[in-house]
Amino acid sequence: MLFLEILKVFINPFLEFLKFWYLEIPWHFWNLYISRISYLERSYAVRITLENLFVPLWQDYTLVGRLISFPIRVFKIFVGILVYILFTLVSLAIFILIETFPIILIYLSL
């Protein structure tokens, strides 16, 4: 009986660490990622720009206004998507590094 209590003292903190590291941290990281993507969407407005792709900028319905607004919007969409992809790749690399950190430490300590 005493052996089981001693075992619980050593196993419970380890299980709590695993629960925190592999369940709670990904959840918090996901929420942070979603909030940052929402911020980027408010900054770059790719969805809104896609919806208004063929609407002239500044309500300039002349031929020159239409010809100028389309490349500007396409460039803005391209840059926004590029920023989204870059942010996602960096976030994924950081997440993988964080999640593999305990395994790396165990490997290096052997």
Protein backbone atom coordinates (compact mmCIF):
# COMPACT_ATOMS: atom_id res chain seq x y z
CA MET A 1 0.00 0.00 0.00
CA LEU A 2 2.81 2.37 0.86
CA PHE A 3 4.49 1.53 -2.42
CA LEU A 4 1.39 2.62 -4.36
CA GLU A 5 1.26 5.94 -2.52
CA ILE A 6 4.92 6.58 -3.22
CA LEU A 7 4.33 5.65 -6.85
CA LYS A 8 1.42 8.12 -7.03
CA VAL A 9 3.64 10.87 -5.67
CA PHE A 10 6.07 10.37 -8.53
CA ILE A 11 3.63 9.48 -11.33
CA ASN A 12 0.97 12.17 -10.77
CA PRO A 13 3.25 15.17 -11.41
CA PHE A 14 4.57 13.47 -14.54
CA LEU A 15 1.04 12.83 -15.81
CA GLU A 16 0.04 16.41 -14.98
CA PHE A 17 3.03 17.65 -16.93
CA LEU A 18 2.07 15.53 -19.94
CA LYS A 19 -1.51 16.77 -19.72
CA PHE A 20 -0.34 20.38 -19.55
CA TRP A 21 2.31 20.09 -22.25
CA TYR A 22 0.42 18.04 -24.83
CA LEU A 23 -3.19 19.11 -24.20
CA GLU A 24 -3.27 22.60 -22.72
CA ILE A 25 -0.34 24.20 -24.53
CA PRO A 26 -1.64 23.19 -28.01
CA TRP A 27 -5.06 24.57 -27.09
CA HIS A 28 -3.58 27.91 -25.98
CA PHE A 29 -1.28 27.99 -29.00
CA TRP A 30 -4.24 27.37 -31.32
CA ASN A 31 -6.22 30.20 -29.70
CA LEU A 32 -3.22 32.52 -30.05
CA TYR A 33 -2.79 31.50 -33.69
CA ILE A 34 -6.47 32.17 -34.47
CA SER A 35 -6.37 35.58 -32.79
CA ARG A 36 -3.24 36.56 -34.73
CA ILE A 37 -4.71 35.35 -38.03
CA SER A 38 -7.81 37.45 -37.26
CA TYR A 39 -5.57 40.44 -36.65
CA LEU A 40 -3.78 39.82 -39.95
CA GLU A 41 -7.14 39.55 -41.72
CA ARG A 42 -8.16 42.92 -40.27
CA SER A 43 -4.84 44.38 -41.42
CA TYR A 44 -4.62 42.89 -44.91
CA ALA A 45 -8.36 42.29 -45.61
CA VAL A 46 -7.76 39.58 -48.19
CA ARG A 47 -11.34 38.28 -48.05
CA ILE A 48 -12.86 41.74 -48.50
CA THR A 49 -10.41 42.55 -51.29
CA LEU A 50 -11.38 39.30 -53.05
CA GLU A 51 -15.05 40.24 -52.77
CA ASN A 52 -14.35 43.66 -54.27
CA LEU A 53 -11.77 42.57 -56.84
CA PHE A 54 -13.58 44.10 -59.81
CA VAL A 55 -14.92 47.17 -57.99
CA PRO A 56 -12.80 50.22 -58.76
CA LEU A 57 -10.81 51.78 -55.95
CA TRP A 58 -11.95 55.14 -54.58
CA GLN A 59 -15.17 54.84 -56.62
CA ASP A 60 -13.30 55.89 -59.76
CA TYR A 61 -15.42 54.27 -62.48
CA THR A 62 -13.39 55.64 -65.38
CA LEU A 63 -11.41 53.29 -67.60
CA VAL A 64 -8.12 54.40 -66.02
CA GLY A 65 -9.55 53.86 -62.52
CA ARG A 66 -10.67 50.35 -63.40
CA LEU A 67 -7.34 49.52 -65.05
CA ILE A 68 -5.35 50.76 -62.06
CA SER A 69 -7.49 49.21 -59.32
CA PHE A 70 -7.35 45.61 -60.56
CA PRO A 71 -3.52 45.18 -60.37
CA ILE A 72 -3.44 47.00 -57.03
CA ARG A 73 -6.03 44.62 -55.55
CA VAL A 74 -4.33 41.55 -57.03
CA PHE A 75 -1.02 42.67 -55.53
CA LYS A 76 -2.69 43.29 -52.17
CA ILE A 77 -4.25 39.81 -52.24
CA PHE A 78 -0.91 38.25 -53.21
CA VAL A 79 0.95 40.02 -50.39
CA GLY A 80 -1.76 39.15 -47.87
CA ILE A 81 -1.75 35.46 -48.77
CA LEU A 82 2.05 35.46 -48.67
CA VAL A 83 1.97 36.96 -45.16
CA TYR A 84 -0.62 34.37 -44.06
CA ILE A 85 1.50 31.51 -45.39
CA LEU A 86 4.69 32.88 -43.83
CA PHE A 87 2.98 33.40 -40.48
CA THR A 88 1.49 29.90 -40.59
CA LEU A 89 4.85 28.29 -41.41
CA VAL A 90 6.65 30.18 -38.64
CA SER A 91 3.87 29.34 -36.17
CA LEU A 92 3.99 25.68 -37.16
CA ALA A 93 7.78 25.57 -36.74
CA ILE A 94 7.53 27.17 -33.30
CA PHE A 95 4.75 24.78 -32.29
CA ILE A 96 6.73 21.72 -33.40
CA LEU A 97 9.79 23.00 -31.55
CA ILE A 98 7.79 23.58 -28.37
CA GLU A 99 6.10 20.18 -28.52
CA THR A 100 9.30 18.27 -29.18
CA PHE A 101 11.33 20.17 -26.58
CA PRO A 102 10.83 17.59 -23.76
CA ILE A 103 11.76 14.75 -26.11
CA ILE A 104 14.88 16.61 -27.24
CA LEU A 105 15.88 17.26 -23.62
CA ILE A 106 15.41 13.59 -22.71
CA TYR A 107 17.44 12.54 -25.74
CA LEU A 108 20.26 14.96 -24.94
CA SER A 109 20.40 13.91 -21.29
CA LEU A 110 21.02 10.25 -22.17
